[in-house]
Amino acid sequence: MFAAAMRGRLKAEKSAYERALYGAWQSERFAREDKLKPFKRYLAQSKTAAKPQQSQTGMEALAVFESLKSSGVPMKITRIGL
């Protein structure tokens, strides 16, 4: 359980670092522009750059649970037919 929590915390730290790096990059980008364009144009660019989050496949979910189980989380994984 502790290992899973630590992996989650590490992922959160990496995500926070990437957000800070992205913010710094955007700040420098704006600083280098002679004349800024309307804000709506930049907002549209950032929305198209973000990847839409896809739902998790069954195999990905199974991999997550297998990882948790191998970390010592007590669980029984069974396949059910639908």
Protein backbone atom coordinates (compact mmCIF):
# COMPACT_ATOMS: atom_id res chain seq x y z
CA MET A 1 0.00 0.00 0.00
CA PHE A 2 2.84 2.36 0.89
CA ALA A 3 4.60 1.69 -2.43
CA ALA A 4 1.43 2.50 -4.38
CA ALA A 5 1.02 5.75 -2.43
CA MET A 6 4.63 6.68 -3.13
CA ARG A 7 4.20 6.00 -6.85
CA GLY A 8 1.11 8.21 -6.86
CA ARG A 9 2.98 10.97 -5.06
CA LEU A 10 5.88 10.70 -7.51
CA LYS A 11 3.45 10.99 -10.43
CA ALA A 12 1.84 14.05 -8.82
CA GLU A 13 5.26 15.68 -8.33
CA LYS A 14 6.20 15.01 -11.95
CA SER A 15 2.91 16.49 -13.12
CA ALA A 16 3.43 19.61 -10.98
CA TYR A 17 6.94 20.00 -12.39
CA GLU A 18 5.66 19.70 -15.96
CA ARG A 19 2.96 22.34 -15.28
CA ALA A 20 5.57 24.72 -13.84
CA LEU A 21 7.87 24.13 -16.80
CA TYR A 22 5.02 24.75 -19.23
CA GLY A 23 4.11 27.97 -17.42
CA ALA A 24 7.71 29.17 -17.57
CA TRP A 25 7.90 28.34 -21.26
CA GLN A 26 4.68 30.23 -22.00
CA SER A 27 5.86 33.23 -19.95
CA GLU A 28 9.06 33.43 -21.96
CA ARG A 29 7.10 33.02 -25.19
CA PHE A 30 4.94 36.02 -24.31
CA ALA A 31 7.96 38.04 -23.20
CA ARG A 32 9.59 37.59 -26.61
CA GLU A 33 6.58 38.78 -28.62
CA ASP A 34 6.66 42.38 -29.84
CA LYS A 35 2.91 42.83 -29.83
CA LEU A 36 0.51 40.43 -28.18
CA LYS A 37 -2.43 39.10 -30.11
CA PRO A 38 -5.95 39.00 -28.61
CA PHE A 39 -6.21 36.66 -25.62
CA LYS A 40 -8.84 34.46 -27.29
CA ARG A 41 -6.27 33.40 -29.89
CA TYR A 42 -3.85 32.11 -27.25
CA LEU A 43 -6.65 30.40 -25.37
CA ALA A 44 -7.72 28.57 -28.51
CA GLN A 45 -4.13 27.41 -29.10
CA SER A 46 -3.76 25.98 -25.61
CA LYS A 47 -7.09 24.12 -25.86
CA THR A 48 -6.10 22.44 -29.12
CA ALA A 49 -2.65 21.52 -27.74
CA ALA A 50 -4.14 19.59 -24.81
CA LYS A 51 -4.81 15.94 -25.53
CA PRO A 52 -8.31 14.78 -24.72
CA GLN A 53 -8.22 12.16 -21.99
CA GLN A 54 -9.32 8.79 -23.26
CA SER A 55 -11.09 6.26 -21.11
CA GLN A 56 -9.02 3.40 -19.76
CA THR A 57 -9.14 0.10 -21.64
CA GLY A 58 -9.80 -3.17 -19.87
CA MET A 59 -6.18 -4.27 -20.30
CA GLU A 60 -4.92 -1.00 -18.82
CA ALA A 61 -7.23 -1.38 -15.82
CA LEU A 62 -6.05 -4.96 -15.34
CA ALA A 63 -2.42 -3.78 -15.46
CA VAL A 64 -3.15 -1.21 -12.75
CA PHE A 65 -4.75 -3.82 -10.48
CA GLU A 66 -1.95 -6.32 -11.15
CA SER A 67 0.56 -3.65 -10.21
CA LEU A 68 -1.28 -2.92 -6.97
CA LYS A 69 -1.51 -6.63 -6.19
CA SER A 70 2.21 -7.14 -6.80
CA SER A 71 2.90 -4.20 -4.47
CA GLY A 72 1.25 -6.09 -1.64
CA VAL A 73 -2.29 -4.72 -1.75
CA PRO A 74 -4.54 -7.62 -0.72
CA MET A 75 -7.01 -8.30 -3.52
CA LYS A 76 -8.40 -11.10 -5.63
CA ILE A 77 -8.66 -10.41 -9.34
CA THR A 78 -11.22 -12.52 -11.20
CA ARG A 79 -12.41 -12.33 -14.76
CA ILE A 80 -16.15 -12.15 -15.26
CA GLY A 81 -17.95 -12.92 -18.48
CA LEU A 82 -20.57 -10.52 -19.69
